[in-house]
Structures are given as C-alpha cells and as structure tokens.
Protein backbone atom coordinates (compact mmCIF):
# COMPACT_ATOMS: atom_id res chain seq x y z
CA MET A 1 28.30 41.82 70.41
CA LYS A 2 29.50 45.05 68.87
CA LEU A 3 27.25 47.63 67.26
CA LEU A 4 28.24 48.72 63.75
CA TYR A 5 27.56 52.32 62.88
CA ILE A 6 28.75 54.61 60.13
CA ALA A 7 30.45 57.45 61.96
CA TYR A 8 29.26 60.30 59.83
CA ALA A 9 25.76 58.89 59.49
CA SER A 10 25.42 58.76 63.27
CA GLY A 11 26.69 62.33 63.47
CA ILE A 12 24.15 63.50 60.92
CA LEU A 13 21.39 61.67 62.79
CA LEU A 14 22.37 63.43 66.01
CA LEU A 15 22.45 66.84 64.34
CA ALA A 16 19.11 66.23 62.67
CA PHE A 17 17.56 65.20 66.01
CA ILE A 18 18.89 68.32 67.76
CA GLY A 19 17.89 70.55 64.83
CA PHE A 20 14.34 69.19 64.82
CA PHE A 21 14.02 69.73 68.57
CA VAL A 22 15.31 73.33 68.32
CA LEU A 23 13.04 74.06 65.33
CA LYS A 24 9.95 72.87 67.21
CA HIS A 25 10.75 75.12 70.16
CA ASP A 26 11.63 78.09 67.94
CA ILE A 27 8.27 77.89 66.15
CA ARG A 28 6.47 77.71 69.48
CA SER A 29 8.44 80.71 70.80
CA GLN A 30 7.35 82.79 67.80
CA GLN A 31 3.72 81.86 68.46
CA GLU A 32 4.10 82.65 72.15
CA ASP A 33 5.56 86.09 71.43
CA GLN A 34 2.28 87.08 69.74
CA ILE A 35 0.32 86.59 72.98
CA THR A 36 -0.47 89.91 74.69
CA ALA A 37 -1.14 90.45 78.38
CA ILE A 38 -4.85 90.90 77.75
CA SER A 39 -5.13 87.72 75.69
CA PHE A 40 -2.89 85.61 77.94
CA SER A 41 -5.72 84.09 79.98
CA THR A 42 -9.50 84.13 80.35
CA ASP A 43 -9.07 83.82 84.11
CA PRO A 44 -9.47 87.40 85.45
CA ASP A 45 -6.93 86.92 88.26
CA VAL A 46 -4.29 85.50 85.92
CA SER A 47 -5.11 88.21 83.38
CA ARG A 48 -4.48 90.91 86.00
CA LEU A 49 -1.17 89.26 86.82
CA ALA A 50 -0.18 89.21 83.14
CA ILE A 51 -1.03 92.90 82.76
CA ALA A 52 1.03 93.76 85.85
CA LEU A 53 3.87 91.67 84.49
CA GLU A 54 3.76 93.47 81.14
CA LYS A 55 3.99 96.81 82.97
CA HIS A 56 6.98 95.60 85.04
CA ASN A 57 5.05 96.59 88.15
CA ARG A 58 6.27 94.55 91.11
CA GLU A 59 3.63 95.92 93.48
CA ASP A 60 0.77 95.06 91.14
CA ILE A 61 2.27 91.60 90.58
CA ALA A 62 2.33 90.99 94.34
CA VAL A 63 -1.24 92.31 94.73
CA ALA A 64 -2.54 90.11 91.89
CA ILE A 65 -1.01 87.05 93.54
CA GLN A 66 -2.41 88.01 96.96
CA ARG A 67 -5.83 88.22 95.33
CA GLY A 68 -5.59 84.68 94.04
CA ALA A 69 -3.60 84.68 90.79
CA ASN A 70 -1.56 81.52 90.37
CA VAL A 71 2.05 82.54 89.75
CA ASN A 72 2.66 79.20 88.02
CA ALA A 73 -0.43 79.44 85.81
CA CYS A 74 -0.45 78.52 82.16
CA GLY A 75 -2.32 80.79 79.79
CA THR A 76 -5.08 79.89 77.37
CA ALA A 77 -2.51 78.82 74.76
CA GLY A 78 -0.79 76.63 77.34
CA TYR A 79 2.38 78.63 78.01
CA ARG A 80 3.66 79.04 81.55
CA MET A 81 3.74 82.68 82.63
CA LEU A 82 7.46 82.56 83.42
CA ASP A 83 8.19 81.35 79.92
CA TRP A 84 5.86 83.92 78.41
CA ALA A 85 7.87 86.63 80.20
CA MET A 86 10.99 85.23 78.53
CA SER A 87 9.37 85.34 75.10
CA ARG A 88 8.61 89.05 75.74
CA ARG A 89 12.23 89.69 76.83
CA ASN A 90 10.76 90.84 80.12
CA VAL A 91 13.65 90.23 82.53
CA ARG A 92 12.25 92.40 85.33
CA GLY A 93 8.88 90.68 85.16
CA PHE A 94 10.56 87.28 85.03
CA GLU A 95 12.55 88.07 88.16
CA ALA A 96 9.49 89.46 89.93
CA LEU A 97 7.64 86.19 89.29
CA LEU A 98 10.55 84.22 90.75
CA GLU A 99 10.45 86.43 93.84
CA GLN A 100 6.79 85.47 94.21
CA GLY A 101 7.53 81.74 94.06
CA ALA A 102 7.28 80.88 90.35
CA ARG A 103 8.83 77.47 89.72
CA LEU A 104 11.72 77.01 87.30
CA ASP A 105 11.26 73.24 87.37
CA ALA A 106 7.73 73.47 85.95
CA LEU A 107 7.20 72.47 82.32
CA TYR A 108 7.04 75.58 80.16
CA LYS A 109 4.02 74.25 78.25
CA ASP A 110 0.94 72.86 79.95
CA PRO A 111 1.40 69.04 79.85
CA ARG A 112 -2.34 68.64 79.35
CA ILE A 113 -1.88 70.34 75.99
CA THR A 114 1.60 69.05 75.17
CA ALA A 115 1.91 65.63 76.76
CA ASP A 116 4.88 64.49 74.64
CA ARG A 117 7.98 65.39 76.70
CA SER A 118 10.08 65.68 73.53
CA TYR A 119 7.96 68.74 72.66
CA ASN A 120 8.24 70.12 76.17
CA ALA A 121 10.93 71.20 78.62
CA THR A 122 11.17 72.80 82.03
CA VAL A 123 11.35 76.57 82.25
CA LEU A 124 14.89 76.18 83.57
CA GLU A 125 15.95 74.17 80.53
CA ARG A 126 14.60 76.99 78.39
CA VAL A 127 16.53 79.54 80.45
CA LEU A 128 19.76 77.59 79.98
CA ALA A 129 19.18 77.33 76.23
CA ALA A 130 18.18 81.00 75.82
CA ASP A 131 20.11 83.27 73.48
CA SER A 132 20.52 85.77 76.32
CA ASP A 133 22.20 85.34 79.70
CA ASP A 134 19.83 87.85 81.34
CA PHE A 135 17.40 85.20 82.54
CA ILE A 136 19.94 82.85 84.13
CA ARG A 137 21.47 85.84 85.89
CA ALA A 138 17.99 86.77 87.15
CA ALA A 139 17.43 83.19 88.33
CA ILE A 140 20.73 83.21 90.22
CA ARG A 141 19.91 86.57 91.80
CA SER A 142 16.63 84.99 92.92
CA GLY A 143 18.46 82.24 94.77
CA ILE A 144 19.12 79.29 92.47
CA PRO A 145 22.66 77.96 93.17
CA PRO A 146 25.07 78.15 90.19
CA ASP A 147 25.76 74.41 90.60
CA HIS A 148 22.08 73.46 90.75
CA VAL A 149 21.39 69.98 89.33
CA PRO A 150 18.06 70.03 87.41
CA PHE A 151 17.69 66.23 87.28
CA SER A 152 19.20 63.97 89.94
CA ARG A 153 19.04 60.94 87.62
CA ASP A 154 22.08 62.14 85.65
CA GLY A 155 23.66 64.52 88.14
CA ARG A 156 24.51 67.19 85.57
CA SER A 157 24.68 70.75 86.85
CA MET A 158 23.26 73.68 84.90
CA ILE A 159 26.48 74.37 83.02
CA PHE A 160 26.10 71.03 81.18
CA PHE A 161 22.75 72.16 79.76
CA ALA A 162 24.03 75.57 78.70
CA ALA A 163 27.07 74.01 77.05
CA ASN A 164 24.97 71.37 75.30
CA ALA A 165 22.80 74.16 73.86
CA GLY A 166 25.93 75.98 72.66
CA ARG A 167 25.11 79.10 74.69
CA THR A 168 28.50 80.65 75.39
CA SER A 169 27.06 83.70 77.17
CA VAL A 170 25.02 81.50 79.54
CA VAL A 171 28.11 79.36 80.25
CA ASP A 172 30.06 82.53 81.06
CA ALA A 173 27.24 83.83 83.26
CA LEU A 174 27.23 80.60 85.28
CA LEU A 175 31.00 80.65 85.69
CA ASP A 176 31.00 84.34 86.59
CA SER A 177 28.44 83.49 89.29
CA GLY A 178 30.62 80.78 90.81
CA ALA A 179 29.61 77.59 88.99
CA THR A 180 32.14 74.77 89.32
CA ILE A 181 33.71 74.37 85.89
CA ASP A 182 34.74 70.76 86.54
CA TYR A 183 31.51 69.69 88.21
CA ARG A 184 31.15 65.96 87.65
CA SER A 185 27.96 64.19 86.62
CA ASN A 186 26.90 60.83 88.05
CA ASP A 187 29.12 59.01 85.54
CA GLY A 188 32.10 61.20 86.40
CA ARG A 189 32.16 63.41 83.32
CA ASN A 190 32.98 67.10 83.48
CA VAL A 191 31.35 69.47 81.01
CA LEU A 192 34.52 69.62 78.89
CA PHE A 193 34.27 65.89 78.25
CA ASP A 194 30.56 66.29 77.52
CA ALA A 195 31.31 68.97 74.91
CA MET A 196 33.78 66.65 73.21
CA LEU A 197 31.20 63.85 73.00
CA ALA A 198 28.86 66.31 71.28
CA ARG A 199 31.74 67.46 69.03
CA ASN A 200 31.06 70.97 70.27
CA TYR A 201 34.62 72.21 70.14
CA GLY A 202 33.60 75.88 70.20
CA ILE A 203 32.25 75.40 73.72
CA ALA A 204 35.15 73.09 74.60
CA TRP A 205 37.68 75.78 73.68
CA GLN A 206 35.74 78.35 75.74
CA LEU A 207 35.77 75.99 78.74
CA LEU A 208 39.46 75.20 78.34
CA LYS A 209 40.29 78.91 78.30
CA ARG A 210 38.15 79.39 81.43
CA GLY A 211 40.14 76.73 83.27
CA ALA A 212 38.43 73.37 82.65
CA ASP A 213 40.71 70.43 83.40
CA PRO A 214 41.24 68.15 80.35
CA THR A 215 42.61 65.37 82.59
CA VAL A 216 39.46 64.88 84.73
CA LYS A 217 38.60 61.21 84.32
CA ASN A 218 35.09 59.81 84.22
CA ASN A 219 34.07 56.62 86.02
CA ARG A 220 35.53 54.57 83.16
CA GLY A 221 38.93 56.22 83.45
CA HIS A 222 38.58 58.35 80.30
CA ASP A 223 39.24 62.06 79.99
CA PHE A 224 39.16 64.79 77.34
CA VAL A 225 42.72 64.09 76.19
CA TRP A 226 41.90 60.40 75.81
CA GLY A 227 38.95 61.33 73.60
CA LEU A 228 41.14 63.36 71.25
CA LYS A 229 43.59 60.48 71.00
CA GLU A 230 40.73 58.08 70.34
CA TRP A 231 38.70 60.08 67.80
CA GLY A 232 41.07 62.74 66.51
CA SER A 233 39.37 65.22 64.20
CA ARG A 234 36.61 62.85 63.11
CA GLY A 235 33.23 64.56 63.38
CA VAL A 236 34.65 68.08 63.69
CA ARG A 237 32.23 70.41 61.93
CA PRO A 238 33.63 73.18 59.70
CA GLU A 239 32.49 75.95 62.05
CA HIS A 240 34.38 74.29 64.92
CA ARG A 241 37.62 73.55 63.03
CA GLU A 242 39.39 76.69 64.26
CA SER A 243 38.47 75.96 67.88
CA PHE A 244 39.53 72.32 67.50
CA GLU A 245 42.95 73.34 66.17
CA ALA A 246 43.35 75.85 69.01
CA ILE A 247 42.55 73.11 71.53
CA VAL A 248 45.11 70.75 70.00
CA ASP A 249 47.75 73.49 69.97
CA GLU A 250 47.07 74.28 73.63
CA LEU A 251 47.25 70.63 74.74
CA VAL A 252 50.44 70.12 72.72
CA ARG A 253 51.88 73.17 74.48
CA ARG A 254 50.96 71.61 77.84
CA GLY A 255 52.61 68.34 76.90
CA LEU A 256 49.36 66.38 77.07
CA LEU A 257 49.06 65.63 73.36
CA THR A 258 51.09 65.48 70.16
CA ARG A 259 50.06 66.28 66.61
CA GLN A 260 50.91 62.68 65.75
CA ASP A 261 48.25 61.54 68.22
CA ILE A 262 45.65 63.25 66.04
CA VAL A 263 47.14 61.83 62.84
CA GLU A 264 46.99 58.31 64.25
CA ALA A 265 43.45 58.77 65.57
CA ASP A 266 42.28 59.99 62.16
CA LYS A 267 43.40 56.81 60.44
CA PRO A 268 40.52 54.47 59.48
CA LYS A 269 39.88 51.86 62.12
CA GLN A 270 38.76 49.38 59.50
CA PRO A 271 40.20 50.27 56.07
CA ALA A 272 38.11 49.69 52.96
CA ALA A 273 39.34 46.91 50.67
CA ALA A 274 42.29 48.05 48.55
CA GLY A 275 41.28 49.53 45.22
CA LYS A 276 37.55 49.17 45.94
CA PRO A 277 35.07 51.97 46.45
CA GLY A 278 33.09 52.12 49.61
CA ILE A 279 32.90 53.63 53.05
CA THR A 280 34.75 52.91 56.25
CA VAL A 281 32.65 51.48 59.06
CA ILE A 282 33.58 52.49 62.59
CA GLU A 283 32.84 50.04 65.39
CA HIS A 284 31.54 51.30 68.68
CA ALA A 285 31.24 48.83 71.53
CA PRO A 286 27.92 49.15 73.40
CA ASP A 287 29.75 50.10 76.60
CA SER A 288 31.93 52.78 74.96
CA GLU A 289 31.09 56.50 75.30
CA ALA A 290 30.01 56.71 71.65
CA GLY A 291 28.11 53.42 71.88
CA ARG A 292 26.21 54.57 74.96
CA ALA A 293 25.43 57.92 73.32
CA ILE A 294 23.99 56.12 70.29
CA GLN A 295 21.94 53.83 72.51
CA GLU A 296 20.59 56.86 74.37
CA LEU A 297 19.44 58.37 71.05
CA ASP A 298 17.76 55.06 70.22
CA ARG A 299 16.04 55.05 73.61
CA LEU A 300 14.74 58.61 73.14
CA GLU A 301 13.40 57.72 69.71
CA ARG A 302 11.65 54.57 71.03
CA ASP A 303 10.13 56.56 73.93
CA SER A 304 8.83 59.19 71.54
CA ILE A 305 7.29 56.57 69.26
CA ARG A 306 5.67 54.80 72.22
CA ARG A 307 4.17 58.04 73.57
CA ASN A 308 2.70 58.90 70.19
CA ARG A 309 0.93 55.56 69.72
C-alpha cells in the first residue's frame, strides 16, 4: 500500500526537524561557552586539566592526566572536555586532548544529564557539523582516517555527516586530507546522492566540482542523474536555486541530462481536477528513496516520544 504525502509539507517537516535540532545545540553551545576553566569541574584533578587546557599548555595537560585527571571527563554542567575546548575555539587544547587519548566517539553531553539521544551527539558529530574546519583537521592530524565511519549500522563515512550539516569547509578539509569522495554507504549511496535526497544542492554542486560521480548507483540501481529526472526542481530552496541550475547545466554539458528531463519531472504526478482549486498530492512508495526517508523521520519521532514517556 502506498503512502500519500504532500511533497512540500514533508519538506517543511524535514526542515523544521533539522532546524529544531540545530537550535537546541546552538543554545547549549552558548551556555557552554560561558563556562570558565575554574568553574568547569569541582573535581580538583579535572579542574587542573581544564586550566592547563585553557592555557594551551601541553606539558601541564600531560601532567594533569598523569596525576589522575580523566581526559574524557564531563564537567559540572555535563559537557565533555573535548567539546568544551571546541566551544572556546581552543584548537591547540583540543588536539592536545586527542593526543592524550580523548575519545571522539564519546557523547558530548553527559548521558546521565541528557539521556535523550536527540538532544545529544558524539563529539565527532559535533566536529563534523562545526562552522570551522580547524577541529576536523586537528582530528585527522591526531590519527583519525579521513574515511572513518562513525556508525557501522549505516556505513556512512565522515564526509556524509559534514555534507548533511551543510559545512562546505569541513567537506573540503576531508577531501583535501584524502577522503574518498564517492565512498558508498551500506545501501550503496555516495554523498552526492545523499545531498540530493536532502535537497542540499549547494553541497551537491561543491561535490560535483570536486569530482563526485553522478552515475554511482545505489543498491537499488538509482543514481544522482536518476534523481534529477525523477524529482526535477521540486523541493529546491531559493538559496540553492543557483547551484541547482549550475548542476543541470553541467550534466547537460556532459550529455547525462537534458533540460526537457527537468521539465517533465516538474509536471504534477497526479494533476488536480480541472478548474478546481486544491493541491497536488505526490505518491511515494514505502520502498522508494523518498518513502524510506519519510519513514526514517517517523521512526525518529516515535523513538523520541517513547524516550520521553
């Protein structure tokens, strides 16, 4: 049985979900930035480590850890020290913590304080969504492979996370460090296809210019070009219109697409009755890319509701 969804309504729901998630983290980052080294922790060992970190003193950081400070400690407010260094724009301190064994896969907020995973994330996820590429470059210098896969369940490498967050500088930093631009997730998608599903054509255009292959097929036999022929310009946000047009022009130049393909894709799949007001309903089969994306949003919402009961 097919799921009926209004295309633009589903797009707005997705944007609202992402916006709410970003807002929650932005508010928490502002709070975290107010924490000083002295107030970071009541534990004297951890406090010494925080003070050494604030002074960018690698020797004092090493000494504090040798004396018993936990490099992965969370402060009194619940923030992981690595993440606190990020909030202070302390790249040298961040890198020094990594050299001493700080874990990027740890949750940035103490799960005993913030148990709801939708309000939490790993430090690495925060690094990949940061507005600066300094921290991912520091992480790579400290030994994390550019093609590192944060979660084996989906098989997406770090570039997927940076692209999903819209962080062009982080995407460039990963590619400059040797990340595979057409790395494929467990379902066969490359990051270019992922960007199209999110209607993030600014990132898609960046990836295409950096050499991403628009003909890489996922496990269902679909690629980026197929997606443009299927959905056309539907869901393209105003700020991405220029990038979308540049992508179409480039693929037309390569002989992979025609302008008529976009025109045909933009036609309503189920026209409204002649002469009658209303909206056009777009059908997405449950096993289609869009259908599975919608079901994933539903699953995340149900999980969040269940955790908050």
